[in-house]
Structure formats: structure tokens, C-alpha cells
Amino acid sequence: MIIPLANLVALRESWYARGLRLVLTNGVFDLLHAGHVGYLQQARALGDLLVVALNSDASVRAIKGPLRPLIPEDDRAALLVALRCVDYVTIFEDSTAEGVVGLLHPDVYVKGGDYALGEGGTPDLDRLPEARAVLAYGGEVRLLPYAAGRSTSELIRLIVSRYG
């Protein structure tokens, strides 16, 4: 289900009351591929509900440049919510999901292993500002293994090399 963040915040109270474990991840998810699907399945296995916070088109352009995203936000959201492992998708406008984390307080916040680990195997808080917010309220941060050879950037390079 694609749902505004305010509605998810309202639902969060009922999830807490029922003892459900909320997992949150965020990203662009442009050109959905098998690496994304495996990552989302692994994230979902860490709890009872998986919420995906999806970067809006404007935030993607701010982060990745004027040529991205390739797929509009509504289409990216529809693809994500069609996956069995994804319970909810919400679209956010900021460059990071810190605000989403602050409102939802997920039990587990998940990102892909392409985010560097700092000292002692903890997330690099400079590269992953959402982790700082999660750790502040006692939540768990998990970095999942990177699926080598499966990335949107690599797909774009392949398409350009083959089709110019």
C-alpha cells in the first residue's frame, strides 16, 4: 500500500500495541532489479512489517543529478508495493530519511552494504545520518550485504554501452 507518512505514523501506534516489529529502509529504487528484490526480502525477514521510504523525484535529482530518476516516483512506488515483501511505501521529499526515522521510530533501520562501516563494525554516521537518529532512541541499524554486480548505475552503463 502506498501511503502518506502521516498515515503511517498513525498506524505505528497500533503496531506498537500489537507488539509488531517495524523494519524501515529507504532509497531511490530506480530501475528495480534483482539486487533490490533480494535486499528487500532480507530486510523484511528482520521484522513483522517492512516500510520503504522512497525518495521523491525532486530529492533524487538533488542527490543523483538532473538525469535521474529514470522512472517517475509513482511508478517506482507501484513497483515496490507490488513486491510481496513490502508492506507499505511512502514517498519523502528530503535528501535523507532522517525525518521519516524520527516520526516512525522503526525497531530496525536497514541499508545496503554499499554504505561504509566505521570503527568497530558500526555504520559510518557521516554517510548514514538516519543511523544516528535510530541509535538515539535505542533502535537497531543493520547493513545488509551488497549484491556485487547488481546496481542501477551498472545497469545504466550497460544500457548506454549497448544502445548508445
C-alpha atoms as a PDB file:
ATOM      1  CA  MET A   1       0.000   0.000   0.000  1.00  0.00           C
ATOM      2  CA  ILE A   2       1.322   3.452  -0.949  1.00  0.00           C
ATOM      3  CA  ILE A   3       0.522   5.747   1.954  1.00  0.00           C
ATOM      4  CA  PRO A   4       1.392   9.248   3.189  1.00  0.00           C
ATOM      5  CA  LEU A   5       3.850   9.398   6.065  1.00  0.00           C
ATOM      6  CA  ALA A   6       1.250  10.959   8.404  1.00  0.00           C
ATOM      7  CA  ASN A   7      -0.973   7.888   7.949  1.00  0.00           C
ATOM      8  CA  LEU A   8       1.954   5.571   8.713  1.00  0.00           C
ATOM      9  CA  VAL A   9       2.632   7.487  11.921  1.00  0.00           C
ATOM     10  CA  ALA A  10      -0.972   6.894  12.977  1.00  0.00           C
ATOM     11  CA  LEU A  11      -0.690   3.182  12.148  1.00  0.00           C
ATOM     12  CA  ARG A  12       2.591   2.895  14.070  1.00  0.00           C
ATOM     13  CA  GLU A  13       0.794   3.175  17.416  1.00  0.00           C
ATOM     14  CA  SER A  14      -1.372   0.137  16.627  1.00  0.00           C
ATOM     15  CA  TRP A  15       1.720  -1.808  15.529  1.00  0.00           C
ATOM     16  CA  TYR A  16       3.423  -0.993  18.845  1.00  0.00           C
ATOM     17  CA  ALA A  17       0.316  -2.037  20.760  1.00  0.00           C
ATOM     18  CA  ARG A  18       0.264  -5.384  18.947  1.00  0.00           C
ATOM     19  CA  GLY A  19       3.985  -5.925  19.536  1.00  0.00           C
ATOM     20  CA  LEU A  20       4.858  -5.876  15.826  1.00  0.00           C
ATOM     21  CA  ARG A  21       8.484  -5.246  14.853  1.00  0.00           C
ATOM     22  CA  LEU A  22       8.780  -2.480  12.233  1.00  0.00           C
ATOM     23  CA  VAL A  23      11.609  -2.518   9.701  1.00  0.00           C
ATOM     24  CA  LEU A  24      12.310   0.618   7.664  1.00  0.00           C
ATOM     25  CA  THR A  25      14.537   1.152   4.684  1.00  0.00           C
ATOM     26  CA  ASN A  26      14.776   3.973   2.189  1.00  0.00           C
ATOM     27  CA  GLY A  27      16.175   4.687  -1.218  1.00  0.00           C
ATOM     28  CA  VAL A  28      15.671   5.648  -4.832  1.00  0.00           C
ATOM     29  CA  PHE A  29      14.892   2.179  -6.254  1.00  0.00           C
ATOM     30  CA  ASP A  30      15.244   3.402  -9.835  1.00  0.00           C
ATOM     31  CA  LEU A  31      15.284   0.568 -12.382  1.00  0.00           C
ATOM     32  CA  LEU A  32      14.169  -2.102  -9.934  1.00  0.00           C
ATOM     33  CA  HIS A  33      16.421  -5.168 -10.247  1.00  0.00           C
ATOM     34  CA  ALA A  34      17.207  -8.485  -8.544  1.00  0.00           C
ATOM     35  CA  GLY A  35      19.677  -6.832  -6.160  1.00  0.00           C
ATOM     36  CA  HIS A  36      16.868  -4.610  -4.862  1.00  0.00           C
ATOM     37  CA  VAL A  37      14.480  -7.540  -4.515  1.00  0.00           C
ATOM     38  CA  GLY A  38      16.954  -9.669  -2.563  1.00  0.00           C
ATOM     39  CA  TYR A  39      17.786  -6.733  -0.317  1.00  0.00           C
ATOM     40  CA  LEU A  40      14.107  -6.022   0.399  1.00  0.00           C
ATOM     41  CA  GLN A  41      13.412  -9.687   1.129  1.00  0.00           C
ATOM     42  CA  GLN A  42      16.300  -9.764   3.609  1.00  0.00           C
ATOM     43  CA  ALA A  43      15.063  -6.555   5.228  1.00  0.00           C
ATOM     44  CA  ARG A  44      11.535  -7.916   5.602  1.00  0.00           C
ATOM     45  CA  ALA A  45      12.862 -11.042   7.307  1.00  0.00           C
ATOM     46  CA  LEU A  46      14.145  -8.841  10.160  1.00  0.00           C
ATOM     47  CA  GLY A  47      10.656  -7.930  11.389  1.00  0.00           C
ATOM     48  CA  ASP A  48       6.904  -8.152  11.015  1.00  0.00           C
ATOM     49  CA  LEU A  49       6.354  -5.185   8.673  1.00  0.00           C
ATOM     50  CA  LEU A  50       8.555  -3.560   6.038  1.00  0.00           C
ATOM     51  CA  VAL A  51       8.093   0.114   5.198  1.00  0.00           C
ATOM     52  CA  VAL A  52      10.041   1.527   2.263  1.00  0.00           C
ATOM     53  CA  ALA A  53      10.577   5.289   2.284  1.00  0.00           C
ATOM     54  CA  LEU A  54      11.032   6.247  -1.362  1.00  0.00           C
ATOM     55  CA  ASN A  55      12.921   9.361  -2.457  1.00  0.00           C
ATOM     56  CA  SER A  56      10.685  11.710  -4.425  1.00  0.00           C
ATOM     57  CA  ASP A  57      11.698  12.675  -7.953  1.00  0.00           C
ATOM     58  CA  ALA A  58      12.892  16.068  -6.702  1.00  0.00           C
ATOM     59  CA  SER A  59      15.073  14.539  -3.983  1.00  0.00           C
ATOM     60  CA  VAL A  60      16.545  12.049  -6.472  1.00  0.00           C
ATOM     61  CA  ARG A  61      17.515  14.909  -8.791  1.00  0.00           C
ATOM     62  CA  ALA A  62      19.130  16.728  -5.863  1.00  0.00           C
ATOM     63  CA  ILE A  63      21.130  13.630  -4.906  1.00  0.00           C
ATOM     64  CA  LYS A  64      21.910  11.983  -8.255  1.00  0.00           C
ATOM     65  CA  GLY A  65      21.723  14.875 -10.735  1.00  0.00           C
ATOM     66  CA  PRO A  66      19.299  16.162 -13.354  1.00  0.00           C
ATOM     67  CA  LEU A  67      19.182  12.956 -15.421  1.00  0.00           C
ATOM     68  CA  ARG A  68      17.676  10.876 -12.625  1.00  0.00           C
ATOM     69  CA  PRO A  69      15.377   9.313 -11.796  1.00  0.00           C
ATOM     70  CA  LEU A  70      14.682   7.341 -14.928  1.00  0.00           C
ATOM     71  CA  ILE A  71      11.396   6.045 -13.544  1.00  0.00           C
ATOM     72  CA  PRO A  72       8.881   8.529 -12.010  1.00  0.00           C
ATOM     73  CA  GLU A  73       8.171   8.252  -8.268  1.00  0.00           C
ATOM     74  CA  ASP A  74       4.605   6.980  -8.681  1.00  0.00           C
ATOM     75  CA  ASP A  75       5.806   4.152 -10.938  1.00  0.00           C
ATOM     76  CA  ARG A  76       8.713   3.306  -8.606  1.00  0.00           C
ATOM     77  CA  ALA A  77       6.300   3.204  -5.667  1.00  0.00           C
ATOM     78  CA  ALA A  78       3.872   0.965  -7.579  1.00  0.00           C
ATOM     79  CA  LEU A  79       6.659  -1.491  -8.424  1.00  0.00           C
ATOM     80  CA  LEU A  80       7.855  -1.643  -4.818  1.00  0.00           C
ATOM     81  CA  VAL A  81       4.436  -2.137  -3.269  1.00  0.00           C
ATOM     82  CA  ALA A  82       3.745  -4.956  -5.740  1.00  0.00           C
ATOM     83  CA  LEU A  83       6.518  -6.987  -4.080  1.00  0.00           C
ATOM     84  CA  ARG A  84       5.211  -9.480  -1.518  1.00  0.00           C
ATOM     85  CA  CYS A  85       7.914  -8.489   0.991  1.00  0.00           C
ATOM     86  CA  VAL A  86       6.955  -4.791   1.040  1.00  0.00           C
ATOM     87  CA  ASP A  87       4.044  -3.827   3.284  1.00  0.00           C
ATOM     88  CA  TYR A  88       3.986  -0.048   2.807  1.00  0.00           C
ATOM     89  CA  VAL A  89       5.678   2.576   0.651  1.00  0.00           C
ATOM     90  CA  THR A  90       5.792   6.261   1.498  1.00  0.00           C
ATOM     91  CA  ILE A  91       7.360   8.991  -0.634  1.00  0.00           C
ATOM     92  CA  PHE A  92       9.534  11.626   1.051  1.00  0.00           C
ATOM     93  CA  GLU A  93      10.985  14.897  -0.238  1.00  0.00           C
ATOM     94  CA  ASP A  94      14.195  15.317   1.774  1.00  0.00           C
ATOM     95  CA  SER A  95      17.689  14.203   0.753  1.00  0.00           C
ATOM     96  CA  THR A  96      17.828  11.833   3.734  1.00  0.00           C
ATOM     97  CA  ALA A  97      15.179   9.813   5.565  1.00  0.00           C
ATOM     98  CA  GLU A  98      16.076  11.247   8.982  1.00  0.00           C
ATOM     99  CA  GLY A  99      12.632  12.837   9.265  1.00  0.00           C
ATOM    100  CA  VAL A 100      10.915   9.557   8.418  1.00  0.00           C
ATOM    101  CA  VAL A 101      13.006   7.753  11.039  1.00  0.00           C
ATOM    102  CA  GLY A 102      12.203  10.442  13.604  1.00  0.00           C
ATOM    103  CA  LEU A 103       8.467  10.052  13.058  1.00  0.00           C
ATOM    104  CA  LEU A 104       8.219   6.265  12.696  1.00  0.00           C
ATOM    105  CA  HIS A 105      10.896   5.117  15.164  1.00  0.00           C
ATOM    106  CA  PRO A 106      11.418   1.778  13.409  1.00  0.00           C
ATOM    107  CA  ASP A 107      12.658  -1.109  15.500  1.00  0.00           C
ATOM    108  CA  VAL A 108      15.169  -1.874  12.748  1.00  0.00           C
ATOM    109  CA  TYR A 109      16.584   0.506  10.148  1.00  0.00           C
ATOM    110  CA  VAL A 110      18.187  -1.234   7.171  1.00  0.00           C
ATOM    111  CA  LYS A 111      20.534  -0.076   4.417  1.00  0.00           C
ATOM    112  CA  GLY A 112      22.599  -1.902   1.832  1.00  0.00           C
ATOM    113  CA  GLY A 113      26.201  -2.893   2.390  1.00  0.00           C
ATOM    114  CA  ASP A 114      27.428  -0.240  -0.023  1.00  0.00           C
ATOM    115  CA  TYR A 115      27.301   2.098   2.990  1.00  0.00           C
ATOM    116  CA  ALA A 116      30.693   2.100   4.683  1.00  0.00           C
ATOM    117  CA  LEU A 117      31.183   0.709   8.142  1.00  0.00           C
ATOM    118  CA  GLY A 118      33.049   2.775  10.674  1.00  0.00           C
ATOM    119  CA  GLU A 119      35.193   1.664  13.585  1.00  0.00           C
ATOM    120  CA  GLY A 120      34.075  -1.490  15.360  1.00  0.00           C
ATOM    121  CA  GLY A 121      31.751  -2.520  12.536  1.00  0.00           C
ATOM    122  CA  THR A 122      29.227   0.233  13.269  1.00  0.00           C
ATOM    123  CA  PRO A 123      27.633   2.272  10.466  1.00  0.00           C
ATOM    124  CA  ASP A 124      29.567   5.324   9.303  1.00  0.00           C
ATOM    125  CA  LEU A 125      27.283   8.025  10.700  1.00  0.00           C
ATOM    126  CA  ASP A 126      28.638  10.614   8.261  1.00  0.00           C
ATOM    127  CA  ARG A 127      27.432   8.529   5.315  1.00  0.00           C
ATOM    128  CA  LEU A 128      24.283   7.265   7.038  1.00  0.00           C
ATOM    129  CA  PRO A 129      22.678  10.106   9.018  1.00  0.00           C
ATOM    130  CA  GLU A 130      19.496   8.078   9.597  1.00  0.00           C
ATOM    131  CA  ALA A 131      21.519   5.684  11.751  1.00  0.00           C
ATOM    132  CA  ARG A 132      22.294   8.473  14.205  1.00  0.00           C
ATOM    133  CA  ALA A 133      18.556   9.070  14.722  1.00  0.00           C
ATOM    134  CA  VAL A 134      17.830   5.338  15.137  1.00  0.00           C
ATOM    135  CA  LEU A 135      20.637   4.807  17.639  1.00  0.00           C
ATOM    136  CA  ALA A 136      19.498   7.871  19.641  1.00  0.00           C
ATOM    137  CA  TYR A 137      16.221   6.165  20.622  1.00  0.00           C
ATOM    138  CA  GLY A 138      17.719   2.686  21.003  1.00  0.00           C
ATOM    139  CA  GLY A 139      16.720   1.179  17.671  1.00  0.00           C
ATOM    140  CA  GLU A 140      18.789  -1.289  15.684  1.00  0.00           C
ATOM    141  CA  VAL A 141      20.709  -0.467  12.495  1.00  0.00           C
ATOM    142  CA  ARG A 142      21.511  -3.287  10.067  1.00  0.00           C
ATOM    143  CA  LEU A 143      23.653  -3.110   6.953  1.00  0.00           C
ATOM    144  CA  LEU A 144      22.856  -5.939   4.552  1.00  0.00           C
ATOM    145  CA  PRO A 145      25.421  -7.463   2.186  1.00  0.00           C
ATOM    146  CA  TYR A 146      25.898  -5.694  -1.123  1.00  0.00           C
ATOM    147  CA  ALA A 147      24.871  -7.756  -4.163  1.00  0.00           C
ATOM    148  CA  ALA A 148      28.007  -7.415  -6.295  1.00  0.00           C
ATOM    149  CA  GLY A 149      27.329  -6.705  -9.943  1.00  0.00           C
ATOM    150  CA  ARG A 150      23.737  -5.657  -9.290  1.00  0.00           C
ATOM    151  CA  SER A 151      23.244  -1.922  -9.218  1.00  0.00           C
ATOM    152  CA  THR A 152      21.199   0.668 -11.047  1.00  0.00           C
ATOM    153  CA  SER A 153      24.367   2.539 -12.024  1.00  0.00           C
ATOM    154  CA  GLU A 154      25.786  -0.612 -13.617  1.00  0.00           C
ATOM    155  CA  LEU A 155      22.518  -1.210 -15.474  1.00  0.00           C
ATOM    156  CA  ILE A 156      22.566   2.342 -16.826  1.00  0.00           C
ATOM    157  CA  ARG A 157      26.177   1.927 -18.009  1.00  0.00           C
ATOM    158  CA  LEU A 158      25.278  -1.378 -19.698  1.00  0.00           C
ATOM    159  CA  ILE A 159      22.266   0.123 -21.491  1.00  0.00           C
ATOM    160  CA  VAL A 160      24.273   3.109 -22.682  1.00  0.00           C
ATOM    161  CA  SER A 161      27.145   0.914 -23.890  1.00  0.00           C
ATOM    162  CA  ARG A 162      24.796  -1.348 -25.820  1.00  0.00           C
ATOM    163  CA  TYR A 163      22.327   1.171 -27.170  1.00  0.00           C
ATOM    164  CA  GLY A 164      24.257   4.442 -27.057  1.00  0.00           C
END
